[in-house]
mmCIF file of all heavy atoms, coordinates in Angstrom:
data_MODEL
# 
_entry.id   MODEL 
# 
loop_
_atom_site.group_PDB 
_atom_site.id 
_atom_site.type_symbol 
_atom_site.label_atom_id 
_atom_site.label_alt_id 
_atom_site.label_comp_id 
_atom_site.label_asym_id 
_atom_site.label_entity_id 
_atom_site.label_seq_id 
_atom_site.pdbx_PDB_ins_code 
_atom_site.Cartn_x 
_atom_site.Cartn_y 
_atom_site.Cartn_z 
_atom_site.occupancy 
_atom_site.B_iso_or_equiv 
_atom_site.pdbx_formal_charge 
_atom_site.auth_seq_id 
_atom_site.auth_comp_id 
_atom_site.auth_asym_id 
_atom_site.auth_atom_id 
_atom_site.pdbx_PDB_model_num 
ATOM 1   N N   . HIS A 1 1  ? 103.134 88.359  90.728  1.00 0.00 ? 1  HIS A N   1 
ATOM 2   C CA  . HIS A 1 1  ? 102.578 89.080  89.582  1.00 0.00 ? 1  HIS A CA  1 
ATOM 3   C C   . HIS A 1 1  ? 103.636 89.919  88.879  1.00 0.00 ? 1  HIS A C   1 
ATOM 4   O O   . HIS A 1 1  ? 103.395 90.390  87.753  1.00 0.00 ? 1  HIS A O   1 
ATOM 5   C CB  . HIS A 1 1  ? 101.429 89.983  90.027  1.00 0.00 ? 1  HIS A CB  1 
ATOM 6   C CG  . HIS A 1 1  ? 100.211 89.229  90.478  1.00 0.00 ? 1  HIS A CG  1 
ATOM 7   N ND1 . HIS A 1 1  ? 99.349  88.620  89.598  1.00 0.00 ? 1  HIS A ND1 1 
ATOM 8   C CD2 . HIS A 1 1  ? 99.727  88.975  91.721  1.00 0.00 ? 1  HIS A CD2 1 
ATOM 9   C CE1 . HIS A 1 1  ? 98.375  88.032  90.273  1.00 0.00 ? 1  HIS A CE1 1 
ATOM 10  N NE2 . HIS A 1 1  ? 98.569  88.238  91.561  1.00 0.00 ? 1  HIS A NE2 1 
ATOM 11  N N   . PHE A 1 2  ? 104.779 90.147  89.512  1.00 0.00 ? 2  PHE A N   1 
ATOM 12  C CA  . PHE A 1 2  ? 105.858 90.914  88.904  1.00 0.00 ? 2  PHE A CA  1 
ATOM 13  C C   . PHE A 1 2  ? 106.708 89.997  88.029  1.00 0.00 ? 2  PHE A C   1 
ATOM 14  O O   . PHE A 1 2  ? 106.646 88.770  88.123  1.00 0.00 ? 2  PHE A O   1 
ATOM 15  C CB  . PHE A 1 2  ? 106.731 91.556  89.979  1.00 0.00 ? 2  PHE A CB  1 
ATOM 16  C CG  . PHE A 1 2  ? 106.079 92.685  90.718  1.00 0.00 ? 2  PHE A CG  1 
ATOM 17  C CD1 . PHE A 1 2  ? 105.255 92.444  91.804  1.00 0.00 ? 2  PHE A CD1 1 
ATOM 18  C CD2 . PHE A 1 2  ? 106.297 93.994  90.335  1.00 0.00 ? 2  PHE A CD2 1 
ATOM 19  C CE1 . PHE A 1 2  ? 104.650 93.478  92.499  1.00 0.00 ? 2  PHE A CE1 1 
ATOM 20  C CE2 . PHE A 1 2  ? 105.705 95.048  91.020  1.00 0.00 ? 2  PHE A CE2 1 
ATOM 21  C CZ  . PHE A 1 2  ? 104.883 94.791  92.099  1.00 0.00 ? 2  PHE A CZ  1 
ATOM 22  N N   . GLY A 1 3  ? 107.526 90.624  87.183  1.00 0.00 ? 3  GLY A N   1 
ATOM 23  C CA  . GLY A 1 3  ? 108.486 89.863  86.408  1.00 0.00 ? 3  GLY A CA  1 
ATOM 24  C C   . GLY A 1 3  ? 109.658 89.448  87.265  1.00 0.00 ? 3  GLY A C   1 
ATOM 25  O O   . GLY A 1 3  ? 109.734 89.757  88.466  1.00 0.00 ? 3  GLY A O   1 
ATOM 26  N N   . ASP A 1 4  ? 110.597 88.735  86.671  1.00 0.00 ? 4  ASP A N   1 
ATOM 27  C CA  . ASP A 1 4  ? 111.780 88.306  87.393  1.00 0.00 ? 4  ASP A CA  1 
ATOM 28  C C   . ASP A 1 4  ? 112.572 89.513  87.880  1.00 0.00 ? 4  ASP A C   1 
ATOM 29  O O   . ASP A 1 4  ? 112.555 90.584  87.273  1.00 0.00 ? 4  ASP A O   1 
ATOM 30  C CB  . ASP A 1 4  ? 112.669 87.443  86.489  1.00 0.00 ? 4  ASP A CB  1 
ATOM 31  C CG  . ASP A 1 4  ? 111.997 86.132  86.109  1.00 0.00 ? 4  ASP A CG  1 
ATOM 32  O OD1 . ASP A 1 4  ? 111.101 85.704  86.869  1.00 0.00 ? 4  ASP A OD1 1 
ATOM 33  O OD2 . ASP A 1 4  ? 112.356 85.561  85.065  1.00 0.00 ? 4  ASP A OD2 1 
ATOM 34  N N   . GLY A 1 5  ? 113.290 89.333  88.975  1.00 0.00 ? 5  GLY A N   1 
ATOM 35  C CA  . GLY A 1 5  ? 114.106 90.413  89.515  1.00 0.00 ? 5  GLY A CA  1 
ATOM 36  C C   . GLY A 1 5  ? 113.562 90.937  90.821  1.00 0.00 ? 5  GLY A C   1 
ATOM 37  O O   . GLY A 1 5  ? 112.559 90.442  91.349  1.00 0.00 ? 5  GLY A O   1 
ATOM 38  N N   . PRO A 1 6  ? 114.223 91.961  91.365  1.00 0.00 ? 6  PRO A N   1 
ATOM 39  C CA  . PRO A 1 6  ? 113.835 92.471  92.682  1.00 0.00 ? 6  PRO A CA  1 
ATOM 40  C C   . PRO A 1 6  ? 112.483 93.161  92.668  1.00 0.00 ? 6  PRO A C   1 
ATOM 41  O O   . PRO A 1 6  ? 112.079 93.779  91.681  1.00 0.00 ? 6  PRO A O   1 
ATOM 42  C CB  . PRO A 1 6  ? 114.959 93.474  93.005  1.00 0.00 ? 6  PRO A CB  1 
ATOM 43  C CG  . PRO A 1 6  ? 115.474 93.898  91.669  1.00 0.00 ? 6  PRO A CG  1 
ATOM 44  C CD  . PRO A 1 6  ? 115.372 92.692  90.788  1.00 0.00 ? 6  PRO A CD  1 
ATOM 45  N N   . VAL A 1 7  ? 111.780 93.045  93.787  1.00 0.00 ? 7  VAL A N   1 
ATOM 46  C CA  . VAL A 1 7  ? 110.538 93.783  94.033  1.00 0.00 ? 7  VAL A CA  1 
ATOM 47  C C   . VAL A 1 7  ? 110.768 94.572  95.316  1.00 0.00 ? 7  VAL A C   1 
ATOM 48  O O   . VAL A 1 7  ? 110.989 93.986  96.379  1.00 0.00 ? 7  VAL A O   1 
ATOM 49  C CB  . VAL A 1 7  ? 109.335 92.837  94.185  1.00 0.00 ? 7  VAL A CB  1 
ATOM 50  C CG1 . VAL A 1 7  ? 108.085 93.630  94.547  1.00 0.00 ? 7  VAL A CG1 1 
ATOM 51  C CG2 . VAL A 1 7  ? 109.115 92.036  92.912  1.00 0.00 ? 7  VAL A CG2 1 
ATOM 52  N N   . VAL A 1 8  ? 110.748 95.890  95.203  1.00 0.00 ? 8  VAL A N   1 
ATOM 53  C CA  . VAL A 1 8  ? 111.146 96.765  96.312  1.00 0.00 ? 8  VAL A CA  1 
ATOM 54  C C   . VAL A 1 8  ? 109.955 97.576  96.789  1.00 0.00 ? 8  VAL A C   1 
ATOM 55  O O   . VAL A 1 8  ? 109.251 98.200  95.995  1.00 0.00 ? 8  VAL A O   1 
ATOM 56  C CB  . VAL A 1 8  ? 112.286 97.704  95.878  1.00 0.00 ? 8  VAL A CB  1 
ATOM 57  C CG1 . VAL A 1 8  ? 112.726 98.574  97.060  1.00 0.00 ? 8  VAL A CG1 1 
ATOM 58  C CG2 . VAL A 1 8  ? 113.462 96.904  95.338  1.00 0.00 ? 8  VAL A CG2 1 
ATOM 59  N N   . ALA A 1 9  ? 109.736 97.563  98.108  1.00 0.00 ? 9  ALA A N   1 
ATOM 60  C CA  . ALA A 1 9  ? 108.649 98.322  98.726  1.00 0.00 ? 9  ALA A CA  1 
ATOM 61  C C   . ALA A 1 9  ? 109.218 99.552  99.419  1.00 0.00 ? 9  ALA A C   1 
ATOM 62  O O   . ALA A 1 9  ? 110.133 99.447  100.239 1.00 0.00 ? 9  ALA A O   1 
ATOM 63  C CB  . ALA A 1 9  ? 107.904 97.451  99.734  1.00 0.00 ? 9  ALA A CB  1 
ATOM 64  N N   . GLY A 1 10 ? 108.687 100.703 99.075  1.00 0.00 ? 10 GLY A N   1 
ATOM 65  C CA  . GLY A 1 10 ? 109.091 101.931 99.742  1.00 0.00 ? 10 GLY A CA  1 
ATOM 66  C C   . GLY A 1 10 ? 108.466 102.026 101.119 1.00 0.00 ? 10 GLY A C   1 
ATOM 67  O O   . GLY A 1 10 ? 107.589 101.243 101.487 1.00 0.00 ? 10 GLY A O   1 
ATOM 68  N N   . PRO A 1 11 ? 108.895 102.995 101.922 1.00 0.00 ? 11 PRO A N   1 
ATOM 69  C CA  . PRO A 1 11 ? 108.352 103.137 103.277 1.00 0.00 ? 11 PRO A CA  1 
ATOM 70  C C   . PRO A 1 11 ? 106.886 103.581 103.238 1.00 0.00 ? 11 PRO A C   1 
ATOM 71  O O   . PRO A 1 11 ? 106.423 104.190 102.275 1.00 0.00 ? 11 PRO A O   1 
ATOM 72  C CB  . PRO A 1 11 ? 109.233 104.224 103.896 1.00 0.00 ? 11 PRO A CB  1 
ATOM 73  C CG  . PRO A 1 11 ? 109.722 105.012 102.723 1.00 0.00 ? 11 PRO A CG  1 
ATOM 74  C CD  . PRO A 1 11 ? 109.898 104.036 101.611 1.00 0.00 ? 11 PRO A CD  1 
ATOM 75  N N   . VAL A 1 12 ? 106.163 103.261 104.297 1.00 0.00 ? 12 VAL A N   1 
ATOM 76  C CA  . VAL A 1 12 ? 104.774 103.704 104.433 1.00 0.00 ? 12 VAL A CA  1 
ATOM 77  C C   . VAL A 1 12 ? 104.776 105.170 104.845 1.00 0.00 ? 12 VAL A C   1 
ATOM 78  O O   . VAL A 1 12 ? 105.477 105.562 105.787 1.00 0.00 ? 12 VAL A O   1 
ATOM 79  C CB  . VAL A 1 12 ? 104.034 102.850 105.482 1.00 0.00 ? 12 VAL A CB  1 
ATOM 80  C CG1 . VAL A 1 12 ? 102.627 103.391 105.703 1.00 0.00 ? 12 VAL A CG1 1 
ATOM 81  C CG2 . VAL A 1 12 ? 103.980 101.396 105.039 1.00 0.00 ? 12 VAL A CG2 1 
ATOM 82  N N   . VAL A 1 13 ? 104.003 105.993 104.112 1.00 0.00 ? 13 VAL A N   1 
ATOM 83  C CA  . VAL A 1 13 ? 103.898 107.423 104.420 1.00 0.00 ? 13 VAL A CA  1 
ATOM 84  C C   . VAL A 1 13 ? 102.472 107.714 104.874 1.00 0.00 ? 13 VAL A C   1 
ATOM 85  O O   . VAL A 1 13 ? 101.582 106.870 104.782 1.00 0.00 ? 13 VAL A O   1 
ATOM 86  C CB  . VAL A 1 13 ? 104.267 108.278 103.186 1.00 0.00 ? 13 VAL A CB  1 
ATOM 87  C CG1 . VAL A 1 13 ? 105.743 108.093 102.847 1.00 0.00 ? 13 VAL A CG1 1 
ATOM 88  C CG2 . VAL A 1 13 ? 103.402 107.917 101.983 1.00 0.00 ? 13 VAL A CG2 1 
ATOM 89  N N   . ASP A 1 14 ? 102.263 108.923 105.357 1.00 0.00 ? 14 ASP A N   1 
ATOM 90  C CA  . ASP A 1 14 ? 100.986 109.249 105.991 1.00 0.00 ? 14 ASP A CA  1 
ATOM 91  C C   . ASP A 1 14 ? 99.828  109.417 105.014 1.00 0.00 ? 14 ASP A C   1 
ATOM 92  O O   . ASP A 1 14 ? 98.676  109.208 105.376 1.00 0.00 ? 14 ASP A O   1 
ATOM 93  C CB  . ASP A 1 14 ? 101.123 110.540 106.810 1.00 0.00 ? 14 ASP A CB  1 
ATOM 94  C CG  . ASP A 1 14 ? 102.035 110.347 108.008 1.00 0.00 ? 14 ASP A CG  1 
ATOM 95  O OD1 . ASP A 1 14 ? 102.164 109.199 108.465 1.00 0.00 ? 14 ASP A OD1 1 
ATOM 96  O OD2 . ASP A 1 14 ? 102.609 111.343 108.483 1.00 0.00 ? 14 ASP A OD2 1 
ATOM 97  N N   . HIS A 1 15 ? 100.124 109.799 103.761 1.00 0.00 ? 15 HIS A N   1 
ATOM 98  C CA  . HIS A 1 15 ? 99.049  110.123 102.826 1.00 0.00 ? 15 HIS A CA  1 
ATOM 99  C C   . HIS A 1 15 ? 99.573  110.003 101.407 1.00 0.00 ? 15 HIS A C   1 
ATOM 100 O O   . HIS A 1 15 ? 100.790 110.021 101.181 1.00 0.00 ? 15 HIS A O   1 
ATOM 101 C CB  . HIS A 1 15 ? 98.556  111.560 103.097 1.00 0.00 ? 15 HIS A CB  1 
ATOM 102 C CG  . HIS A 1 15 ? 97.236  111.884 102.458 1.00 0.00 ? 15 HIS A CG  1 
ATOM 103 N ND1 . HIS A 1 15 ? 97.143  112.339 101.160 1.00 0.00 ? 15 HIS A ND1 1 
ATOM 104 C CD2 . HIS A 1 15 ? 95.964  111.821 102.925 1.00 0.00 ? 15 HIS A CD2 1 
ATOM 105 C CE1 . HIS A 1 15 ? 95.861  112.547 100.862 1.00 0.00 ? 15 HIS A CE1 1 
ATOM 106 N NE2 . HIS A 1 15 ? 95.132  112.241 101.914 1.00 0.00 ? 15 HIS A NE2 1 
ATOM 107 N N   . LEU A 1 16 ? 98.642  109.918 100.467 1.00 0.00 ? 16 LEU A N   1 
ATOM 108 C CA  . LEU A 1 16 ? 99.032  109.857 99.061  1.00 0.00 ? 16 LEU A CA  1 
ATOM 109 C C   . LEU A 1 16 ? 99.836  111.080 98.658  1.00 0.00 ? 16 LEU A C   1 
ATOM 110 O O   . LEU A 1 16 ? 100.722 110.999 97.797  1.00 0.00 ? 16 LEU A O   1 
ATOM 111 C CB  . LEU A 1 16 ? 97.774  109.743 98.181  1.00 0.00 ? 16 LEU A CB  1 
ATOM 112 C CG  . LEU A 1 16 ? 97.999  109.571 96.680  1.00 0.00 ? 16 LEU A CG  1 
ATOM 113 C CD1 . LEU A 1 16 ? 98.716  108.261 96.385  1.00 0.00 ? 16 LEU A CD1 1 
ATOM 114 C CD2 . LEU A 1 16 ? 96.672  109.628 95.925  1.00 0.00 ? 16 LEU A CD2 1 
ATOM 115 N N   . PHE A 1 17 ? 99.554  112.237 99.283  1.00 0.00 ? 17 PHE A N   1 
ATOM 116 C CA  . PHE A 1 17 ? 100.317 113.444 98.988  1.00 0.00 ? 17 PHE A CA  1 
ATOM 117 C C   . PHE A 1 17 ? 101.809 113.263 99.301  1.00 0.00 ? 17 PHE A C   1 
ATOM 118 O O   . PHE A 1 17 ? 102.663 113.927 98.699  1.00 0.00 ? 17 PHE A O   1 
ATOM 119 C CB  . PHE A 1 17 ? 99.785  114.630 99.797  1.00 0.00 ? 17 PHE A CB  1 
ATOM 120 C CG  . PHE A 1 17 ? 98.421  115.084 99.374  1.00 0.00 ? 17 PHE A CG  1 
ATOM 121 C CD1 . PHE A 1 17 ? 97.647  115.842 100.227 1.00 0.00 ? 17 PHE A CD1 1 
ATOM 122 C CD2 . PHE A 1 17 ? 97.904  114.749 98.133  1.00 0.00 ? 17 PHE A CD2 1 
ATOM 123 C CE1 . PHE A 1 17 ? 96.381  116.273 99.852  1.00 0.00 ? 17 PHE A CE1 1 
ATOM 124 C CE2 . PHE A 1 17 ? 96.642  115.169 97.740  1.00 0.00 ? 17 PHE A CE2 1 
ATOM 125 C CZ  . PHE A 1 17 ? 95.884  115.936 98.602  1.00 0.00 ? 17 PHE A CZ  1 
ATOM 126 N N   . ASP A 1 18 ? 102.113 112.400 100.276 1.00 0.00 ? 18 ASP A N   1 
ATOM 127 C CA  . ASP A 1 18 ? 103.501 112.197 100.688 1.00 0.00 ? 18 ASP A CA  1 
ATOM 128 C C   . ASP A 1 18 ? 104.152 111.013 99.987  1.00 0.00 ? 18 ASP A C   1 
ATOM 129 O O   . ASP A 1 18 ? 105.283 110.648 100.318 1.00 0.00 ? 18 ASP A O   1 
ATOM 130 C CB  . ASP A 1 18 ? 103.553 111.950 102.206 1.00 0.00 ? 18 ASP A CB  1 
ATOM 131 C CG  . ASP A 1 18 ? 102.843 113.040 102.988 1.00 0.00 ? 18 ASP A CG  1 
ATOM 132 O OD1 . ASP A 1 18 ? 103.058 114.220 102.661 1.00 0.00 ? 18 ASP A OD1 1 
ATOM 133 O OD2 . ASP A 1 18 ? 102.065 112.715 103.900 1.00 0.00 ? 18 ASP A OD2 1 
ATOM 134 N N   . ALA A 1 19 ? 103.448 110.409 99.033  1.00 0.00 ? 19 ALA A N   1 
ATOM 135 C CA  . ALA A 1 19 ? 103.930 109.173 98.424  1.00 0.00 ? 19 ALA A CA  1 
ATOM 136 C C   . ALA A 1 19 ? 105.189 109.366 97.588  1.00 0.00 ? 19 ALA A C   1 
ATOM 137 O O   . ALA A 1 19 ? 105.846 108.384 97.232  1.00 0.00 ? 19 ALA A O   1 
ATOM 138 C CB  . ALA A 1 19 ? 102.838 108.550 97.562  1.00 0.00 ? 19 ALA A CB  1 
ATOM 139 N N   . THR A 1 20 ? 105.542 110.615 97.284  1.00 0.00 ? 20 THR A N   1 
ATOM 140 C CA  . THR A 1 20 ? 106.769 110.851 96.523  1.00 0.00 ? 20 THR A CA  1 
ATOM 141 C C   . THR A 1 20 ? 107.981 110.310 97.263  1.00 0.00 ? 20 THR A C   1 
ATOM 142 O O   . THR A 1 20 ? 108.895 109.745 96.651  1.00 0.00 ? 20 THR A O   1 
ATOM 143 C CB  . THR A 1 20 ? 106.948 112.351 96.257  1.00 0.00 ? 20 THR A CB  1 
ATOM 144 O OG1 . THR A 1 20 ? 105.816 112.834 95.532  1.00 0.00 ? 20 THR A OG1 1 
ATOM 145 C CG2 . THR A 1 20 ? 108.208 112.606 95.448  1.00 0.00 ? 20 THR A CG2 1 
ATOM 146 N N   . ALA A 1 21 ? 108.006 110.459 98.590  1.00 0.00 ? 21 ALA A N   1 
ATOM 147 C CA  . ALA A 1 21 ? 109.136 109.951 99.373  1.00 0.00 ? 21 ALA A CA  1 
ATOM 148 C C   . ALA A 1 21 ? 109.226 108.435 99.273  1.00 0.00 ? 21 ALA A C   1 
ATOM 149 O O   . ALA A 1 21 ? 110.317 107.869 99.142  1.00 0.00 ? 21 ALA A O   1 
ATOM 150 C CB  . ALA A 1 21 ? 108.995 110.381 100.827 1.00 0.00 ? 21 ALA A CB  1 
ATOM 151 N N   . SER A 1 22 ? 108.069 107.762 99.325  1.00 0.00 ? 22 SER A N   1 
ATOM 152 C CA  . SER A 1 22 ? 108.062 106.313 99.190  1.00 0.00 ? 22 SER A CA  1 
ATOM 153 C C   . SER A 1 22 ? 108.478 105.899 97.782  1.00 0.00 ? 22 SER A C   1 
ATOM 154 O O   . SER A 1 22 ? 109.204 104.917 97.595  1.00 0.00 ? 22 SER A O   1 
ATOM 155 C CB  . SER A 1 22 ? 106.666 105.774 99.515  1.00 0.00 ? 22 SER A CB  1 
ATOM 156 O OG  . SER A 1 22 ? 106.655 104.364 99.504  1.00 0.00 ? 22 SER A OG  1 
ATOM 157 N N   . THR A 1 23 ? 108.026 106.662 96.795  1.00 0.00 ? 23 THR A N   1 
ATOM 158 C CA  . THR A 1 23 ? 108.392 106.370 95.405  1.00 0.00 ? 23 THR A CA  1 
ATOM 159 C C   . THR A 1 23 ? 109.885 106.502 95.200  1.00 0.00 ? 23 THR A C   1 
ATOM 160 O O   . THR A 1 23 ? 110.526 105.639 94.575  1.00 0.00 ? 23 THR A O   1 
ATOM 161 C CB  . THR A 1 23 ? 107.656 107.329 94.458  1.00 0.00 ? 23 THR A CB  1 
ATOM 162 O OG1 . THR A 1 23 ? 106.251 107.214 94.662  1.00 0.00 ? 23 THR A OG1 1 
ATOM 163 C CG2 . THR A 1 23 ? 107.995 107.026 93.018  1.00 0.00 ? 23 THR A CG2 1 
ATOM 164 N N   . ARG A 1 24 ? 110.456 107.593 95.716  1.00 0.00 ? 24 ARG A N   1 
ATOM 165 C CA  . ARG A 1 24 ? 111.889 107.840 95.536  1.00 0.00 ? 24 ARG A CA  1 
ATOM 166 C C   . ARG A 1 24 ? 112.704 106.705 96.143  1.00 0.00 ? 24 ARG A C   1 
ATOM 167 O O   . ARG A 1 24 ? 113.650 106.203 95.531  1.00 0.00 ? 24 ARG A O   1 
ATOM 168 C CB  . ARG A 1 24 ? 112.250 109.171 96.190  1.00 0.00 ? 24 ARG A CB  1 
ATOM 169 C CG  . ARG A 1 24 ? 113.714 109.553 96.042  1.00 0.00 ? 24 ARG A CG  1 
ATOM 170 C CD  . ARG A 1 24 ? 113.968 110.946 96.586  1.00 0.00 ? 24 ARG A CD  1 
ATOM 171 N NE  . ARG A 1 24 ? 113.538 111.061 97.971  1.00 0.00 ? 24 ARG A NE  1 
ATOM 172 C CZ  . ARG A 1 24 ? 112.651 111.944 98.413  1.00 0.00 ? 24 ARG A CZ  1 
ATOM 173 N NH1 . ARG A 1 24 ? 112.074 112.771 97.574  1.00 0.00 ? 24 ARG A NH1 1 
ATOM 174 N NH2 . ARG A 1 24 ? 112.332 111.988 99.690  1.00 0.00 ? 24 ARG A NH2 1 
# 
């Protein structure tokens, strides 16, 4: 479903509140 190029998955975090680390 993504366009061409890399698709990168961040690490799994404990909660949506901690998702900034996965986003970064």
